[in-house]
Amino acid sequence: MKKLILILILLFVPVQLQAGQVNIAIPGQNWKLSFDAPPLSDKKESRRGEEYVFKANSGRFNISFFVEVPKGDGRTHRDCYAYYWPLASRNPSIDKDSIKMSESNKYVRVQYDIVHSIGDKKIIHRNVNYYFCYKNKWVDVHISVIMPVPEDNQILKTFDKTLGYGN
């Protein structure tokens, strides 16, 4: 019951449409991740050796990213994707017809919807993962919007255009 109440509350929390630039320095390393997103709250981060995890949200918008030591020999964006996506795609709640993959010189991008049913109500989470390699690290940036509406497409497009990493 508590889970249902929390989900219903989240459904009515608007995503702030006004995106602003966010810069997050990767601890212990000489680079940062930057992107435009709605104002973030409930920020959590953890660090273990050379690895770093960041999580935050803004209403229905959520972000997490993982900076990790490579799990294999490859050092390309495609290698990072080839390791992480098969693990993520095992989620049985992913709507397989919604999966869209694309590549750029900055990352490999996978968009998909996760669908949960609570009673007769379907809860949709629009998800995007960005996989890339930088400075001998594999990075998985994950954003999602709960119960997306057409206006949320602009948030995803803005994030796509502004996601960057470097000094």
N, C-alpha and C. Protein backbone atom coordinates (compact mmCIF):
# COMPACT_ATOMS: atom_id res chain seq x y z
N MET A 1 0.82 -1.19 0.00
CA MET A 1 0.00 0.00 0.00
C MET A 1 0.87 1.27 0.00
N LYS A 2 1.96 1.26 0.81
CA LYS A 2 2.85 2.41 0.86
C LYS A 2 3.47 2.66 -0.50
N LYS A 3 3.85 1.57 -1.20
CA LYS A 3 4.45 1.71 -2.52
C LYS A 3 3.46 2.35 -3.49
N LEU A 4 2.21 1.95 -3.44
CA LEU A 4 1.18 2.52 -4.32
C LEU A 4 0.99 4.00 -4.02
N ILE A 5 0.95 4.37 -2.76
CA ILE A 5 0.78 5.78 -2.39
C ILE A 5 1.96 6.60 -2.89
N LEU A 6 3.18 6.10 -2.71
CA LEU A 6 4.36 6.81 -3.18
C LEU A 6 4.32 6.99 -4.70
N ILE A 7 3.96 5.95 -5.42
CA ILE A 7 3.88 6.05 -6.88
C ILE A 7 2.82 7.06 -7.30
N LEU A 8 1.68 7.04 -6.66
CA LEU A 8 0.63 8.00 -7.01
C LEU A 8 1.06 9.43 -6.72
N ILE A 9 1.79 9.65 -5.63
CA ILE A 9 2.30 10.99 -5.34
C ILE A 9 3.26 11.42 -6.43
N LEU A 10 4.18 10.53 -6.82
CA LEU A 10 5.17 10.86 -7.84
C LEU A 10 4.51 11.20 -9.18
N LEU A 11 3.39 10.58 -9.47
CA LEU A 11 2.71 10.82 -10.75
C LEU A 11 2.24 12.25 -10.88
N PHE A 12 2.03 12.91 -9.76
CA PHE A 12 1.50 14.26 -9.81
C PHE A 12 2.55 15.32 -9.52
N VAL A 13 3.79 14.91 -9.33
CA VAL A 13 4.88 15.86 -9.14
C VAL A 13 5.40 16.24 -10.52
N PRO A 14 5.29 17.50 -10.91
CA PRO A 14 5.72 17.88 -12.25
C PRO A 14 7.24 17.85 -12.40
N VAL A 15 7.68 17.56 -13.62
CA VAL A 15 9.08 17.71 -13.95
C VAL A 15 9.29 19.18 -14.25
N GLN A 16 10.30 19.78 -13.65
CA GLN A 16 10.59 21.17 -13.92
C GLN A 16 11.08 21.28 -15.36
N LEU A 17 10.38 22.02 -16.20
CA LEU A 17 10.76 22.12 -17.60
C LEU A 17 11.98 23.00 -17.80
N GLN A 18 12.29 23.87 -16.87
CA GLN A 18 13.41 24.77 -17.03
C GLN A 18 14.71 24.05 -16.64
N ALA A 19 15.44 23.62 -17.64
CA ALA A 19 16.69 22.91 -17.39
C ALA A 19 17.81 23.91 -17.17
N GLY A 20 18.74 23.52 -16.32
CA GLY A 20 19.92 24.33 -16.08
C GLY A 20 21.15 23.44 -16.15
N GLN A 21 22.31 24.07 -16.32
CA GLN A 21 23.53 23.29 -16.45
C GLN A 21 23.96 22.72 -15.11
N VAL A 22 24.34 21.45 -15.14
CA VAL A 22 24.84 20.74 -13.96
C VAL A 22 26.25 20.26 -14.30
N ASN A 23 27.18 20.49 -13.40
CA ASN A 23 28.56 20.01 -13.54
C ASN A 23 28.89 19.19 -12.31
N ILE A 24 29.34 17.97 -12.53
CA ILE A 24 29.68 17.10 -11.41
C ILE A 24 31.11 16.63 -11.60
N ALA A 25 31.98 17.07 -10.69
CA ALA A 25 33.38 16.64 -10.73
C ALA A 25 33.45 15.19 -10.26
N ILE A 26 34.18 14.38 -10.99
CA ILE A 26 34.35 12.98 -10.62
C ILE A 26 35.47 12.94 -9.57
N PRO A 27 35.16 12.55 -8.34
CA PRO A 27 36.16 12.59 -7.27
C PRO A 27 37.40 11.76 -7.58
N GLY A 28 38.54 12.33 -7.25
CA GLY A 28 39.80 11.62 -7.41
C GLY A 28 40.28 11.52 -8.85
N GLN A 29 39.56 12.17 -9.75
CA GLN A 29 39.92 12.12 -11.16
C GLN A 29 39.88 13.55 -11.70
N ASN A 30 40.54 13.79 -12.76
CA ASN A 30 40.66 15.15 -13.27
C ASN A 30 39.67 15.40 -14.41
N TRP A 31 38.39 15.12 -14.17
CA TRP A 31 37.38 15.41 -15.19
C TRP A 31 36.01 15.51 -14.54
N LYS A 32 35.06 15.97 -15.32
CA LYS A 32 33.70 16.16 -14.83
C LYS A 32 32.70 15.68 -15.87
N LEU A 33 31.50 15.48 -15.40
CA LEU A 33 30.35 15.17 -16.25
C LEU A 33 29.46 16.41 -16.23
N SER A 34 28.95 16.83 -17.39
CA SER A 34 28.08 17.99 -17.43
C SER A 34 26.86 17.69 -18.30
N PHE A 35 25.76 18.35 -17.98
CA PHE A 35 24.50 18.15 -18.71
C PHE A 35 23.52 19.22 -18.25
N ASP A 36 22.49 19.44 -19.04
CA ASP A 36 21.39 20.30 -18.65
C ASP A 36 20.26 19.40 -18.15
N ALA A 37 19.72 19.75 -16.98
CA ALA A 37 18.65 18.96 -16.38
C ALA A 37 17.81 19.87 -15.49
N PRO A 38 16.60 19.41 -15.16
CA PRO A 38 15.82 20.16 -14.17
C PRO A 38 16.60 20.23 -12.86
N PRO A 39 16.28 21.20 -11.98
CA PRO A 39 16.99 21.32 -10.71
C PRO A 39 16.96 20.00 -9.93
N LEU A 40 18.13 19.51 -9.55
CA LEU A 40 18.24 18.21 -8.91
C LEU A 40 18.16 18.33 -7.39
N SER A 41 17.54 17.33 -6.77
CA SER A 41 17.48 17.26 -5.31
C SER A 41 17.76 15.83 -4.90
N ASP A 42 17.74 15.60 -3.62
CA ASP A 42 17.97 14.26 -3.06
C ASP A 42 19.21 13.61 -3.65
N LYS A 43 20.29 14.39 -3.70
CA LYS A 43 21.54 13.91 -4.29
C LYS A 43 22.24 12.93 -3.35
N LYS A 44 22.71 11.84 -3.95
CA LYS A 44 23.45 10.83 -3.20
C LYS A 44 24.65 10.44 -4.04
N GLU A 45 25.77 10.25 -3.38
CA GLU A 45 26.95 9.80 -4.09
C GLU A 45 27.73 8.86 -3.22
N SER A 46 28.47 7.97 -3.87
CA SER A 46 29.34 7.07 -3.13
C SER A 46 30.58 6.81 -3.97
N ARG A 47 31.62 6.43 -3.28
CA ARG A 47 32.90 6.23 -3.93
C ARG A 47 33.56 5.00 -3.33
N ARG A 48 34.11 4.18 -4.22
CA ARG A 48 34.86 3.01 -3.77
C ARG A 48 36.09 2.91 -4.67
N GLY A 49 37.24 3.24 -4.13
CA GLY A 49 38.46 3.24 -4.93
C GLY A 49 38.34 4.23 -6.07
N GLU A 50 38.53 3.76 -7.29
CA GLU A 50 38.44 4.60 -8.48
C GLU A 50 37.02 4.68 -9.03
N GLU A 51 36.07 4.04 -8.38
CA GLU A 51 34.70 4.00 -8.90
C GLU A 51 33.82 4.99 -8.14
N TYR A 52 32.82 5.51 -8.86
CA TYR A 52 31.98 6.58 -8.32
C TYR A 52 30.54 6.39 -8.80
N VAL A 53 29.60 6.65 -7.90
CA VAL A 53 28.17 6.55 -8.20
C VAL A 53 27.50 7.84 -7.76
N PHE A 54 26.62 8.37 -8.62
CA PHE A 54 25.86 9.57 -8.32
C PHE A 54 24.40 9.30 -8.64
N LYS A 55 23.49 9.76 -7.77
CA LYS A 55 22.05 9.62 -7.99
C LYS A 55 21.35 10.89 -7.52
N ALA A 56 20.33 11.32 -8.26
CA ALA A 56 19.53 12.48 -7.86
C ALA A 56 18.21 12.45 -8.64
N ASN A 57 17.31 13.36 -8.28
CA ASN A 57 16.06 13.45 -9.03
C ASN A 57 15.52 14.88 -9.00
N SER A 58 14.47 15.05 -9.79
CA SER A 58 13.72 16.30 -9.82
C SER A 58 12.28 15.91 -10.15
N GLY A 59 11.47 15.68 -9.12
CA GLY A 59 10.11 15.21 -9.36
C GLY A 59 10.13 13.85 -10.05
N ARG A 60 9.59 13.79 -11.26
CA ARG A 60 9.53 12.53 -12.02
C ARG A 60 10.80 12.24 -12.80
N PHE A 61 11.75 13.18 -12.83
CA PHE A 61 13.01 13.01 -13.55
C PHE A 61 14.05 12.43 -12.58
N ASN A 62 14.72 11.38 -13.02
CA ASN A 62 15.74 10.72 -12.20
C ASN A 62 17.02 10.58 -13.00
N ILE A 63 18.15 10.68 -12.32
CA ILE A 63 19.44 10.46 -12.96
C ILE A 63 20.32 9.64 -12.03
N SER A 64 21.08 8.76 -12.62
CA SER A 64 22.14 8.06 -11.90
C SER A 64 23.26 7.83 -12.89
N PHE A 65 24.47 7.83 -12.39
CA PHE A 65 25.56 7.43 -13.26
C PHE A 65 26.63 6.71 -12.46
N PHE A 66 27.31 5.84 -13.19
CA PHE A 66 28.30 4.96 -12.61
C PHE A 66 29.60 5.11 -13.40
N VAL A 67 30.67 5.43 -12.72
CA VAL A 67 32.00 5.52 -13.32
C VAL A 67 32.77 4.34 -12.76
N GLU A 68 33.18 3.42 -13.63
CA GLU A 68 33.78 2.18 -13.16
C GLU A 68 35.03 1.82 -13.93
N VAL A 69 35.84 1.02 -13.29
CA VAL A 69 36.99 0.42 -13.96
C VAL A 69 36.44 -0.51 -15.03
N PRO A 70 36.99 -0.52 -16.24
CA PRO A 70 36.47 -1.39 -17.30
C PRO A 70 36.34 -2.85 -16.85
N LYS A 71 35.27 -3.47 -17.28
CA LYS A 71 34.99 -4.86 -16.93
C LYS A 71 35.49 -5.84 -17.99
N GLY A 72 36.21 -5.31 -18.97
CA GLY A 72 36.74 -6.13 -20.04
C GLY A 72 37.90 -5.41 -20.71
N ASP A 73 38.35 -5.96 -21.84
CA ASP A 73 39.52 -5.42 -22.53
C ASP A 73 39.22 -4.18 -23.37
N GLY A 74 38.00 -4.00 -23.81
CA GLY A 74 37.69 -2.92 -24.74
C GLY A 74 37.77 -1.54 -24.11
N ARG A 75 38.02 -0.56 -24.96
CA ARG A 75 38.12 0.83 -24.50
C ARG A 75 37.30 1.76 -25.39
N THR A 76 36.29 1.22 -26.05
CA THR A 76 35.44 2.05 -26.90
C THR A 76 34.06 2.17 -26.27
N HIS A 77 33.29 3.15 -26.75
CA HIS A 77 31.91 3.31 -26.27
C HIS A 77 31.12 2.02 -26.54
N ARG A 78 31.37 1.42 -27.68
CA ARG A 78 30.67 0.19 -28.06
C ARG A 78 31.01 -0.96 -27.10
N ASP A 79 32.27 -1.02 -26.65
CA ASP A 79 32.67 -2.06 -25.69
C ASP A 79 31.93 -1.89 -24.37
N CYS A 80 31.82 -0.65 -23.93
CA CYS A 80 31.10 -0.35 -22.68
C CYS A 80 29.64 -0.77 -22.82
N TYR A 81 29.01 -0.38 -23.92
CA TYR A 81 27.62 -0.76 -24.22
C TYR A 81 27.48 -2.29 -24.26
N ALA A 82 28.42 -2.97 -24.92
CA ALA A 82 28.34 -4.42 -25.10
C ALA A 82 28.43 -5.16 -23.77
N TYR A 83 29.02 -4.54 -22.78
CA TYR A 83 29.06 -5.17 -21.45
C TYR A 83 27.78 -4.87 -20.66
N TYR A 84 27.42 -3.58 -20.56
CA TYR A 84 26.33 -3.19 -19.67
C TYR A 84 24.92 -3.46 -20.22
N TRP A 85 24.69 -3.23 -21.51
CA TRP A 85 23.33 -3.36 -22.02
C TRP A 85 22.79 -4.79 -21.89
N PRO A 86 23.56 -5.83 -22.19
CA PRO A 86 23.02 -7.19 -22.00
C PRO A 86 22.58 -7.44 -20.55
N LEU A 87 23.27 -6.84 -19.59
CA LEU A 87 22.86 -6.99 -18.19
C LEU A 87 21.56 -6.23 -17.92
N ALA A 88 21.50 -4.98 -18.38
CA ALA A 88 20.31 -4.15 -18.15
C ALA A 88 19.09 -4.70 -18.88
N SER A 89 19.31 -5.23 -20.08
CA SER A 89 18.18 -5.68 -20.92
C SER A 89 17.52 -6.95 -20.40
N ARG A 90 18.08 -7.55 -19.36
CA ARG A 90 17.45 -8.74 -18.76
C ARG A 90 16.19 -8.39 -17.97
N ASN A 91 15.98 -7.12 -17.68
CA ASN A 91 14.82 -6.70 -16.90
C ASN A 91 13.55 -7.14 -17.62
N PRO A 92 12.75 -8.01 -17.03
CA PRO A 92 11.54 -8.50 -17.71
C PRO A 92 10.46 -7.43 -17.89
N SER A 93 10.58 -6.30 -17.20
CA SER A 93 9.58 -5.24 -17.34
C SER A 93 9.85 -4.32 -18.52
N ILE A 94 10.97 -4.50 -19.23
CA ILE A 94 11.26 -3.67 -20.40
C ILE A 94 10.31 -4.04 -21.52
N ASP A 95 9.68 -3.04 -22.09
CA ASP A 95 8.86 -3.22 -23.29
C ASP A 95 9.83 -3.36 -24.46
N LYS A 96 10.02 -4.60 -24.92
CA LYS A 96 11.03 -4.88 -25.95
C LYS A 96 10.80 -4.08 -27.23
N ASP A 97 9.54 -3.76 -27.54
CA ASP A 97 9.24 -2.97 -28.74
C ASP A 97 9.65 -1.51 -28.62
N SER A 98 9.93 -1.06 -27.41
CA SER A 98 10.27 0.36 -27.20
C SER A 98 11.77 0.62 -27.29
N ILE A 99 12.58 -0.43 -27.41
CA ILE A 99 14.04 -0.26 -27.38
C ILE A 99 14.53 0.40 -28.67
N LYS A 100 15.29 1.50 -28.49
CA LYS A 100 15.90 2.22 -29.62
C LYS A 100 17.36 2.49 -29.27
N MET A 101 18.26 2.02 -30.11
CA MET A 101 19.69 2.20 -29.88
C MET A 101 20.26 3.09 -30.96
N SER A 102 21.18 4.00 -30.57
CA SER A 102 21.88 4.84 -31.54
C SER A 102 23.29 5.09 -31.02
N GLU A 103 24.17 5.49 -31.94
CA GLU A 103 25.56 5.76 -31.58
C GLU A 103 25.97 7.14 -32.08
N SER A 104 26.85 7.76 -31.32
CA SER A 104 27.46 9.02 -31.74
C SER A 104 28.92 8.96 -31.35
N ASN A 105 29.66 10.01 -31.63
CA ASN A 105 31.06 10.01 -31.22
C ASN A 105 31.21 10.22 -29.71
N LYS A 106 30.11 10.62 -29.01
CA LYS A 106 30.15 10.85 -27.57
C LYS A 106 29.71 9.65 -26.74
N TYR A 107 28.82 8.81 -27.29
CA TYR A 107 28.25 7.72 -26.51
C TYR A 107 27.43 6.77 -27.38
N VAL A 108 27.08 5.63 -26.79
CA VAL A 108 26.05 4.74 -27.35
C VAL A 108 24.82 4.99 -26.48
N ARG A 109 23.69 5.25 -27.12
CA ARG A 109 22.46 5.62 -26.42
C ARG A 109 21.41 4.54 -26.61
N VAL A 110 20.76 4.14 -25.51
CA VAL A 110 19.66 3.17 -25.58
C VAL A 110 18.47 3.76 -24.84
N GLN A 111 17.35 3.88 -25.55
CA GLN A 111 16.10 4.36 -24.93
C GLN A 111 15.12 3.20 -24.89
N TYR A 112 14.36 3.11 -23.80
CA TYR A 112 13.40 2.03 -23.65
C TYR A 112 12.40 2.41 -22.55
N ASP A 113 11.27 1.75 -22.56
CA ASP A 113 10.26 1.95 -21.54
C ASP A 113 10.18 0.72 -20.64
N ILE A 114 10.02 0.97 -19.36
CA ILE A 114 9.73 -0.08 -18.39
C ILE A 114 8.29 0.12 -17.98
N VAL A 115 7.52 -0.96 -18.00
CA VAL A 115 6.09 -0.88 -17.70
C VAL A 115 5.79 -1.77 -16.49
N HIS A 116 5.16 -1.16 -15.48
CA HIS A 116 4.72 -1.89 -14.29
C HIS A 116 3.20 -1.75 -14.21
N SER A 117 2.55 -2.75 -13.72
CA SER A 117 1.11 -2.68 -13.49
C SER A 117 0.85 -2.70 -12.00
N ILE A 118 0.02 -1.77 -11.56
CA ILE A 118 -0.45 -1.74 -10.19
C ILE A 118 -1.96 -1.74 -10.27
N GLY A 119 -2.53 -2.88 -9.98
CA GLY A 119 -3.96 -3.05 -10.20
C GLY A 119 -4.23 -2.94 -11.69
N ASP A 120 -5.15 -2.08 -12.08
CA ASP A 120 -5.43 -1.89 -13.51
C ASP A 120 -4.70 -0.68 -14.09
N LYS A 121 -3.80 -0.10 -13.30
CA LYS A 121 -3.04 1.09 -13.74
C LYS A 121 -1.66 0.68 -14.23
N LYS A 122 -1.28 1.16 -15.42
CA LYS A 122 0.06 0.92 -15.95
C LYS A 122 0.94 2.12 -15.63
N ILE A 123 2.09 1.85 -15.05
CA ILE A 123 3.07 2.88 -14.73
C ILE A 123 4.22 2.72 -15.73
N ILE A 124 4.49 3.78 -16.47
CA ILE A 124 5.55 3.75 -17.49
C ILE A 124 6.73 4.59 -17.02
N HIS A 125 7.91 4.04 -17.17
CA HIS A 125 9.16 4.76 -16.91
C HIS A 125 9.88 4.83 -18.25
N ARG A 126 10.05 6.03 -18.79
CA ARG A 126 10.87 6.22 -19.99
C ARG A 126 12.31 6.29 -19.54
N ASN A 127 13.17 5.47 -20.09
CA ASN A 127 14.57 5.36 -19.67
C ASN A 127 15.51 5.61 -20.83
N VAL A 128 16.66 6.20 -20.52
CA VAL A 128 17.74 6.34 -21.50
C VAL A 128 19.04 6.04 -20.78
N ASN A 129 19.84 5.17 -21.37
CA ASN A 129 21.20 4.92 -20.89
C ASN A 129 22.18 5.43 -21.93
N TYR A 130 23.24 6.06 -21.44
CA TYR A 130 24.33 6.55 -22.28
C TYR A 130 25.58 5.81 -21.82
N TYR A 131 26.18 5.06 -22.72
CA TYR A 131 27.38 4.29 -22.39
C TYR A 131 28.57 4.91 -23.10
N PHE A 132 29.64 5.16 -22.35
CA PHE A 132 30.84 5.69 -23.00
C PHE A 132 32.08 5.37 -22.16
N CYS A 133 33.22 5.52 -22.79
CA CYS A 133 34.53 5.35 -22.14
C CYS A 133 35.23 6.69 -22.11
N TYR A 134 35.86 6.96 -20.98
CA TYR A 134 36.64 8.19 -20.87
C TYR A 134 37.72 8.00 -19.81
N LYS A 135 38.93 8.37 -20.14
CA LYS A 135 40.08 8.27 -19.23
C LYS A 135 40.16 6.92 -18.54
N ASN A 136 40.09 5.88 -19.35
CA ASN A 136 40.20 4.50 -18.87
C ASN A 136 39.11 4.12 -17.87
N LYS A 137 37.93 4.72 -18.00
CA LYS A 137 36.77 4.36 -17.18
C LYS A 137 35.60 4.05 -18.11
N TRP A 138 34.76 3.14 -17.66
CA TRP A 138 33.50 2.88 -18.34
C TRP A 138 32.43 3.64 -17.57
N VAL A 139 31.57 4.34 -18.31
CA VAL A 139 30.55 5.18 -17.69
C VAL A 139 29.18 4.79 -18.23
N ASP A 140 28.22 4.62 -17.30
CA ASP A 140 26.83 4.35 -17.63
C ASP A 140 26.01 5.46 -16.98
N VAL A 141 25.49 6.37 -17.81
CA VAL A 141 24.61 7.44 -17.34
C VAL A 141 23.19 6.99 -17.63
N HIS A 142 22.34 7.03 -16.63
CA HIS A 142 20.96 6.58 -16.77
C HIS A 142 20.01 7.69 -16.34
N ILE A 143 19.09 8.05 -17.23
CA ILE A 143 18.04 9.00 -16.86
C ILE A 143 16.69 8.32 -17.08
N SER A 144 15.70 8.77 -16.33
CA SER A 144 14.35 8.24 -16.53
C SER A 144 13.33 9.31 -16.15
N VAL A 145 12.16 9.17 -16.74
CA VAL A 145 11.02 10.02 -16.42
C VAL A 145 9.85 9.09 -16.16
N ILE A 146 9.24 9.25 -14.99
CA ILE A 146 8.08 8.42 -14.63
C ILE A 146 6.84 9.03 -15.26
N MET A 147 6.05 8.18 -15.90
CA MET A 147 4.81 8.58 -16.57
C MET A 147 5.04 9.78 -17.49
N PRO A 148 5.88 9.58 -18.52
CA PRO A 148 6.22 10.70 -19.41
C PRO A 148 5.00 11.26 -20.14
N VAL A 149 5.03 12.57 -20.34
CA VAL A 149 4.05 13.27 -21.15
C VAL A 149 4.81 13.88 -22.32
N PRO A 150 4.13 14.30 -23.39
CA PRO A 150 4.85 14.83 -24.56
C PRO A 150 5.85 15.94 -24.24
N GLU A 151 5.56 16.79 -23.27
CA GLU A 151 6.47 17.88 -22.92
C GLU A 151 7.81 17.36 -22.39
N ASP A 152 7.82 16.16 -21.84
CA ASP A 152 9.06 15.59 -21.31
C ASP A 152 10.06 15.23 -22.40
N ASN A 153 9.59 15.10 -23.65
CA ASN A 153 10.51 14.80 -24.74
C ASN A 153 11.59 15.87 -24.88
N GLN A 154 11.24 17.13 -24.57
CA GLN A 154 12.23 18.20 -24.67
C GLN A 154 13.34 18.02 -23.62
N ILE A 155 12.98 17.53 -22.45
CA ILE A 155 13.99 17.27 -21.42
C ILE A 155 14.99 16.23 -21.92
N LEU A 156 14.48 15.17 -22.54
CA LEU A 156 15.36 14.13 -23.07
C LEU A 156 16.22 14.66 -24.20
N LYS A 157 15.64 15.44 -25.09
CA LYS A 157 16.42 16.01 -26.21
C LYS A 157 17.51 16.95 -25.69
N THR A 158 17.16 17.77 -24.72
CA THR A 158 18.15 18.70 -24.15
C THR A 158 19.28 17.92 -23.49
N PHE A 159 18.93 16.88 -22.76
CA PHE A 159 19.96 16.07 -22.10
C PHE A 159 20.88 15.45 -23.15
N ASP A 160 20.29 14.90 -24.22
CA ASP A 160 21.09 14.31 -25.31
C ASP A 160 22.13 15.31 -25.85
N LYS A 161 21.67 16.52 -26.11
CA LYS A 161 22.54 17.53 -26.71
C LYS A 161 23.62 18.03 -25.78
N THR A 162 23.33 18.07 -24.48
CA THR A 162 24.24 18.73 -23.55
C THR A 162 25.12 17.77 -22.75
N LEU A 163 24.84 16.47 -22.80
CA LEU A 163 25.67 15.53 -22.04
C LEU A 163 27.10 15.61 -22.54
N GLY A 164 28.00 15.92 -21.65
CA GLY A 164 29.41 16.02 -22.01
C GLY A 164 30.30 15.59 -20.87
N TYR A 165 31.54 15.38 -21.18
CA TYR A 165 32.51 15.00 -20.17
C TYR A 165 33.88 15.49 -20.60
N GLY A 166 34.70 15.80 -19.64
CA GLY A 166 36.02 16.32 -19.93
C GLY A 166 36.53 17.16 -18.79
N ASN A 167 37.55 17.95 -19.07
CA ASN A 167 38.19 18.75 -18.02
C ASN A 167 37.41 20.00 -17.73
